[in-house]
Amino acid sequence: MVVRNKARLVDQGFCQKEEIDYEETFAPVAHLEAIRILLAFAASKGFKLQQMDVKSAFLNGFIEKEVYVRQPPGFESARFSDQVYKLRKSLYGLKQAPRAWYARLKSFLLKSGFVMGSVDKTLFLLSRGGDTLIVQIYVDDIIFGGSSHALVSSFAEQISREFEMSLMGELQFFLGLQIKQGLEGTFVH
């Protein structure tokens, strides 16, 4: 039984030429060691970590260079069959899509008052009125927690207004790690 059909328009990034179609492609990604340190820090502070996923994250990035794409086969406009589309935002398959998404998310977090880690560029910290909120990003997955339930809830609402999110609740599985947070501590398997 088919519950729903899903399709994704993907650009042919393999056709892109460096310094013509894009400049930089690198986007920082949290290392497993950084995730483990975050888990230890959160456990020592008594933070319950939550997890969320950004839906269609790469479609939120802004691109710096003009990019044109052919009309996808089967979806050509009969009236404009010989024309191409100019992208206004990033698209899956573009070489610069991961970097554009990271830049957009980083900009949002910094405008929201977060400070980016000086060593780990995927770690963001917010201090407000004696409370602390910590956010770790791994592409489109976000782990977050803090000293105040109100601050954690406020962040979840704020980011959900900016991006379409899937709030997954308490952190249980991440990058192959099984995580159990409880009163007796945080256990990682």
C-alpha atoms as a PDB file:
ATOM      1  CA  MET A   1       0.000   0.000   0.000  1.00  0.00           C
ATOM      2  CA  VAL A   2       1.437   3.360  -1.040  1.00  0.00           C
ATOM      3  CA  VAL A   3       1.080   5.921   1.744  1.00  0.00           C
ATOM      4  CA  ARG A   4       2.432   8.830  -0.287  1.00  0.00           C
ATOM      5  CA  ASN A   5       4.517   9.490  -3.360  1.00  0.00           C
ATOM      6  CA  LYS A   6       7.601  11.639  -3.140  1.00  0.00           C
ATOM      7  CA  ALA A   7       9.827  13.156  -5.797  1.00  0.00           C
ATOM      8  CA  ARG A   8      12.870  15.386  -5.569  1.00  0.00           C
ATOM      9  CA  LEU A   9      14.275  17.637  -8.260  1.00  0.00           C
ATOM     10  CA  VAL A  10      18.054  17.236  -8.222  1.00  0.00           C
ATOM     11  CA  ASP A  11      20.550  19.380 -10.094  1.00  0.00           C
ATOM     12  CA  GLN A  12      23.308  17.725 -12.116  1.00  0.00           C
ATOM     13  CA  GLY A  13      26.113  19.135  -9.993  1.00  0.00           C
ATOM     14  CA  PHE A  14      28.627  16.910 -11.750  1.00  0.00           C
ATOM     15  CA  CYS A  15      28.338  19.314 -14.710  1.00  0.00           C
ATOM     16  CA  GLN A  16      29.324  22.331 -12.594  1.00  0.00           C
ATOM     17  CA  LYS A  17      32.747  23.882 -13.104  1.00  0.00           C
ATOM     18  CA  GLU A  18      34.741  25.158 -10.127  1.00  0.00           C
ATOM     19  CA  GLU A  19      35.173  28.960 -10.003  1.00  0.00           C
ATOM     20  CA  ILE A  20      32.621  29.340 -12.805  1.00  0.00           C
ATOM     21  CA  ASP A  21      29.501  27.804 -11.273  1.00  0.00           C
ATOM     22  CA  TYR A  22      30.636  27.736  -7.642  1.00  0.00           C
ATOM     23  CA  GLU A  23      33.471  28.879  -5.379  1.00  0.00           C
ATOM     24  CA  GLU A  24      33.495  26.909  -2.132  1.00  0.00           C
ATOM     25  CA  THR A  25      31.771  23.640  -1.280  1.00  0.00           C
ATOM     26  CA  PHE A  26      33.104  22.833   2.192  1.00  0.00           C
ATOM     27  CA  ALA A  27      30.627  22.937   5.062  1.00  0.00           C
ATOM     28  CA  PRO A  28      31.806  22.050   8.584  1.00  0.00           C
ATOM     29  CA  VAL A  29      30.475  18.828  10.071  1.00  0.00           C
ATOM     30  CA  ALA A  30      30.604  17.861  13.742  1.00  0.00           C
ATOM     31  CA  HIS A  31      33.082  15.107  14.553  1.00  0.00           C
ATOM     32  CA  LEU A  32      31.964  12.111  16.587  1.00  0.00           C
ATOM     33  CA  GLU A  33      34.356  13.211  19.335  1.00  0.00           C
ATOM     34  CA  ALA A  34      32.566  16.581  19.526  1.00  0.00           C
ATOM     35  CA  ILE A  35      29.227  14.790  19.881  1.00  0.00           C
ATOM     36  CA  ARG A  36      30.630  12.672  22.712  1.00  0.00           C
ATOM     37  CA  ILE A  37      31.994  15.781  24.463  1.00  0.00           C
ATOM     38  CA  LEU A  38      28.588  17.452  24.113  1.00  0.00           C
ATOM     39  CA  LEU A  39      26.917  14.376  25.637  1.00  0.00           C
ATOM     40  CA  ALA A  40      29.358  14.451  28.576  1.00  0.00           C
ATOM     41  CA  PHE A  41      28.904  18.201  29.064  1.00  0.00           C
ATOM     42  CA  ALA A  42      25.102  17.937  28.948  1.00  0.00           C
ATOM     43  CA  ALA A  43      25.149  15.047  31.432  1.00  0.00           C
ATOM     44  CA  SER A  44      27.407  16.983  33.823  1.00  0.00           C
ATOM     45  CA  LYS A  45      25.084  20.010  33.662  1.00  0.00           C
ATOM     46  CA  GLY A  46      21.882  17.961  33.856  1.00  0.00           C
ATOM     47  CA  PHE A  47      20.679  19.087  30.400  1.00  0.00           C
ATOM     48  CA  LYS A  48      18.237  16.796  28.605  1.00  0.00           C
ATOM     49  CA  LEU A  49      19.269  16.850  24.969  1.00  0.00           C
ATOM     50  CA  GLN A  50      16.609  17.032  22.286  1.00  0.00           C
ATOM     51  CA  GLN A  51      16.854  16.296  18.584  1.00  0.00           C
ATOM     52  CA  MET A  52      15.310  17.821  15.493  1.00  0.00           C
ATOM     53  CA  ASP A  53      15.723  17.458  11.767  1.00  0.00           C
ATOM     54  CA  VAL A  54      15.393  20.206   9.165  1.00  0.00           C
ATOM     55  CA  LYS A  55      13.145  19.049   6.345  1.00  0.00           C
ATOM     56  CA  SER A  56      14.598  19.647   2.868  1.00  0.00           C
ATOM     57  CA  ALA A  57      17.468  21.581   4.447  1.00  0.00           C
ATOM     58  CA  PHE A  58      19.469  22.203   1.274  1.00  0.00           C
ATOM     59  CA  LEU A  59      16.500  24.008  -0.292  1.00  0.00           C
ATOM     60  CA  ASN A  60      16.865  26.743   2.358  1.00  0.00           C
ATOM     61  CA  GLY A  61      20.342  27.845   1.314  1.00  0.00           C
ATOM     62  CA  PHE A  62      20.976  30.988  -0.711  1.00  0.00           C
ATOM     63  CA  ILE A  63      23.365  30.681  -3.640  1.00  0.00           C
ATOM     64  CA  GLU A  64      25.869  33.377  -4.524  1.00  0.00           C
ATOM     65  CA  LYS A  65      26.380  32.670  -8.229  1.00  0.00           C
ATOM     66  CA  GLU A  66      23.704  32.549 -10.908  1.00  0.00           C
ATOM     67  CA  VAL A  67      22.686  28.962 -11.622  1.00  0.00           C
ATOM     68  CA  TYR A  68      20.454  27.846 -14.474  1.00  0.00           C
ATOM     69  CA  VAL A  69      18.939  24.388 -14.823  1.00  0.00           C
ATOM     70  CA  ARG A  70      17.215  22.576 -17.646  1.00  0.00           C
ATOM     71  CA  GLN A  71      13.575  21.700 -17.255  1.00  0.00           C
ATOM     72  CA  PRO A  72      13.287  18.221 -15.743  1.00  0.00           C
ATOM     73  CA  PRO A  73      12.305  15.463 -18.199  1.00  0.00           C
ATOM     74  CA  GLY A  74       8.576  14.850 -18.094  1.00  0.00           C
ATOM     75  CA  PHE A  75       7.916  18.276 -16.574  1.00  0.00           C
ATOM     76  CA  GLU A  76       8.809  20.542 -19.489  1.00  0.00           C
ATOM     77  CA  SER A  77       6.580  23.502 -20.166  1.00  0.00           C
ATOM     78  CA  ALA A  78       4.894  23.054 -23.557  1.00  0.00           C
ATOM     79  CA  ARG A  79       4.874  26.822 -24.008  1.00  0.00           C
ATOM     80  CA  PHE A  80       8.504  27.406 -22.972  1.00  0.00           C
ATOM     81  CA  SER A  81      10.143  24.070 -23.852  1.00  0.00           C
ATOM     82  CA  ASP A  82      13.403  25.670 -25.022  1.00  0.00           C
ATOM     83  CA  GLN A  83      13.930  27.740 -21.854  1.00  0.00           C
ATOM     84  CA  VAL A  84      15.818  27.025 -18.641  1.00  0.00           C
ATOM     85  CA  TYR A  85      15.097  27.927 -15.015  1.00  0.00           C
ATOM     86  CA  LYS A  86      17.160  30.387 -12.988  1.00  0.00           C
ATOM     87  CA  LEU A  87      17.492  29.155  -9.412  1.00  0.00           C
ATOM     88  CA  ARG A  88      16.689  31.603  -6.640  1.00  0.00           C
ATOM     89  CA  LYS A  89      17.794  29.239  -3.897  1.00  0.00           C
ATOM     90  CA  SER A  90      19.924  26.165  -3.497  1.00  0.00           C
ATOM     91  CA  LEU A  91      18.886  22.792  -4.857  1.00  0.00           C
ATOM     92  CA  TYR A  92      19.890  19.216  -4.046  1.00  0.00           C
ATOM     93  CA  GLY A  93      22.744  18.129  -6.273  1.00  0.00           C
ATOM     94  CA  LEU A  94      24.474  21.515  -6.420  1.00  0.00           C
ATOM     95  CA  LYS A  95      28.103  21.333  -5.313  1.00  0.00           C
ATOM     96  CA  GLN A  96      27.593  24.402  -3.116  1.00  0.00           C
ATOM     97  CA  ALA A  97      24.302  23.212  -1.535  1.00  0.00           C
ATOM     98  CA  PRO A  98      25.788  21.948   1.776  1.00  0.00           C
ATOM     99  CA  ARG A  99      27.807  25.147   2.251  1.00  0.00           C
ATOM    100  CA  ALA A 100      24.819  27.360   1.381  1.00  0.00           C
ATOM    101  CA  TRP A 101      22.650  25.507   3.922  1.00  0.00           C
ATOM    102  CA  TYR A 102      25.299  25.774   6.649  1.00  0.00           C
ATOM    103  CA  ALA A 103      25.702  29.518   5.967  1.00  0.00           C
ATOM    104  CA  ARG A 104      21.941  30.054   6.226  1.00  0.00           C
ATOM    105  CA  LEU A 105      21.619  28.117   9.495  1.00  0.00           C
ATOM    106  CA  LYS A 106      24.715  29.788  10.973  1.00  0.00           C
ATOM    107  CA  SER A 107      23.343  33.220  10.066  1.00  0.00           C
ATOM    108  CA  PHE A 108      20.021  32.416  11.735  1.00  0.00           C
ATOM    109  CA  LEU A 109      21.715  31.214  14.931  1.00  0.00           C
ATOM    110  CA  LEU A 110      24.063  34.210  15.141  1.00  0.00           C
ATOM    111  CA  LYS A 111      21.174  36.659  14.573  1.00  0.00           C
ATOM    112  CA  SER A 112      19.320  34.841  17.358  1.00  0.00           C
ATOM    113  CA  GLY A 113      22.112  35.694  19.810  1.00  0.00           C
ATOM    114  CA  PHE A 114      24.162  32.496  19.698  1.00  0.00           C
ATOM    115  CA  VAL A 115      27.950  32.513  19.784  1.00  0.00           C
ATOM    116  CA  MET A 116      29.738  30.056  17.507  1.00  0.00           C
ATOM    117  CA  GLY A 117      32.431  27.827  18.947  1.00  0.00           C
ATOM    118  CA  SER A 118      35.954  29.030  18.220  1.00  0.00           C
ATOM    119  CA  VAL A 119      37.242  25.514  17.487  1.00  0.00           C
ATOM    120  CA  ASP A 120      34.075  23.625  16.509  1.00  0.00           C
ATOM    121  CA  LYS A 121      32.129  25.691  13.973  1.00  0.00           C
ATOM    122  CA  THR A 122      29.095  23.407  14.392  1.00  0.00           C
ATOM    123  CA  LEU A 123      28.664  24.224  18.088  1.00  0.00           C
ATOM    124  CA  PHE A 124      26.634  27.262  19.153  1.00  0.00           C
ATOM    125  CA  LEU A 125      26.014  28.621  22.650  1.00  0.00           C
ATOM    126  CA  LEU A 126      23.369  31.044  23.886  1.00  0.00           C
ATOM    127  CA  SER A 127      23.475  32.625  27.345  1.00  0.00           C
ATOM    128  CA  ARG A 128      20.381  34.469  28.477  1.00  0.00           C
ATOM    129  CA  GLY A 129      19.590  35.648  32.000  1.00  0.00           C
ATOM    130  CA  GLY A 130      21.844  33.098  33.681  1.00  0.00           C
ATOM    131  CA  ASP A 131      20.535  30.235  31.532  1.00  0.00           C
ATOM    132  CA  THR A 132      22.462  28.407  28.846  1.00  0.00           C
ATOM    133  CA  LEU A 133      21.371  26.742  25.605  1.00  0.00           C
ATOM    134  CA  ILE A 134      23.767  24.651  23.554  1.00  0.00           C
ATOM    135  CA  VAL A 135      23.203  23.617  19.930  1.00  0.00           C
ATOM    136  CA  GLN A 136      25.239  21.127  17.886  1.00  0.00           C
ATOM    137  CA  ILE A 137      24.544  20.749  14.167  1.00  0.00           C
ATOM    138  CA  TYR A 138      25.346  17.876  11.848  1.00  0.00           C
ATOM    139  CA  VAL A 139      24.220  18.924   8.359  1.00  0.00           C
ATOM    140  CA  ASP A 140      20.415  18.944   8.826  1.00  0.00           C
ATOM    141  CA  ASP A 141      20.295  17.241  12.239  1.00  0.00           C
ATOM    142  CA  ILE A 142      20.298  19.454  15.315  1.00  0.00           C
ATOM    143  CA  ILE A 143      20.944  18.412  18.914  1.00  0.00           C
ATOM    144  CA  PHE A 144      20.117  20.972  21.573  1.00  0.00           C
ATOM    145  CA  GLY A 145      19.559  21.304  25.290  1.00  0.00           C
ATOM    146  CA  GLY A 146      19.837  23.791  28.076  1.00  0.00           C
ATOM    147  CA  SER A 147      19.529  24.750  31.690  1.00  0.00           C
ATOM    148  CA  SER A 148      15.997  26.088  31.263  1.00  0.00           C
ATOM    149  CA  HIS A 149      13.019  24.232  29.805  1.00  0.00           C
ATOM    150  CA  ALA A 150      11.540  27.594  28.756  1.00  0.00           C
ATOM    151  CA  LEU A 151      14.694  28.519  26.817  1.00  0.00           C
ATOM    152  CA  VAL A 152      14.806  25.103  25.108  1.00  0.00           C
ATOM    153  CA  SER A 153      11.109  25.351  24.146  1.00  0.00           C
ATOM    154  CA  SER A 154      11.532  28.919  22.942  1.00  0.00           C
ATOM    155  CA  PHE A 155      14.422  27.875  20.687  1.00  0.00           C
ATOM    156  CA  ALA A 156      12.434  24.958  19.237  1.00  0.00           C
ATOM    157  CA  GLU A 157       9.539  27.308  18.441  1.00  0.00           C
ATOM    158  CA  GLN A 158      11.812  30.009  17.007  1.00  0.00           C
ATOM    159  CA  ILE A 159      13.714  27.697  14.664  1.00  0.00           C
ATOM    160  CA  SER A 160      10.452  26.023  13.603  1.00  0.00           C
ATOM    161  CA  ARG A 161       9.160  29.415  12.463  1.00  0.00           C
ATOM    162  CA  GLU A 162      12.258  29.897  10.300  1.00  0.00           C
ATOM    163  CA  PHE A 163      12.602  26.373   8.865  1.00  0.00           C
ATOM    164  CA  GLU A 164      10.286  23.409   8.433  1.00  0.00           C
ATOM    165  CA  MET A 165      11.362  21.116  11.256  1.00  0.00           C
ATOM    166  CA  SER A 166      10.713  17.614  12.437  1.00  0.00           C
ATOM    167  CA  LEU A 167      10.915  17.732  16.247  1.00  0.00           C
ATOM    168  CA  MET A 168      12.025  14.265  17.312  1.00  0.00           C
ATOM    169  CA  GLY A 169      11.955  14.728  21.077  1.00  0.00           C
ATOM    170  CA  GLU A 170      14.574  13.427  23.475  1.00  0.00           C
ATOM    171  CA  LEU A 171      17.858  12.412  21.843  1.00  0.00           C
ATOM    172  CA  GLN A 172      17.965   8.616  21.527  1.00  0.00           C
ATOM    173  CA  PHE A 173      19.830   7.760  18.298  1.00  0.00           C
ATOM    174  CA  PHE A 174      22.464   9.847  16.557  1.00  0.00           C
ATOM    175  CA  LEU A 175      25.226   8.935  14.083  1.00  0.00           C
ATOM    176  CA  GLY A 176      25.028   5.265  14.978  1.00  0.00           C
ATOM    177  CA  LEU A 177      25.037   5.949  18.713  1.00  0.00           C
ATOM    178  CA  GLN A 178      22.222   4.760  20.949  1.00  0.00           C
ATOM    179  CA  ILE A 179      21.779   7.271  23.761  1.00  0.00           C
ATOM    180  CA  LYS A 180      19.846   6.820  26.991  1.00  0.00           C
ATOM    181  CA  GLN A 181      19.472   9.897  29.198  1.00  0.00           C
ATOM    182  CA  GLY A 182      18.248   9.317  32.726  1.00  0.00           C
ATOM    183  CA  LEU A 183      18.559  10.468  36.326  1.00  0.00           C
ATOM    184  CA  GLU A 184      21.478   8.106  36.877  1.00  0.00           C
ATOM    185  CA  GLY A 185      23.415   9.554  33.914  1.00  0.00           C
ATOM    186  CA  THR A 186      23.732   9.377  30.154  1.00  0.00           C
ATOM    187  CA  PHE A 187      24.618   6.055  28.577  1.00  0.00           C
ATOM    188  CA  VAL A 188      26.002   5.707  25.067  1.00  0.00           C
ATOM    189  CA  HIS A 189      26.039   2.365  23.218  1.00  0.00           C
END
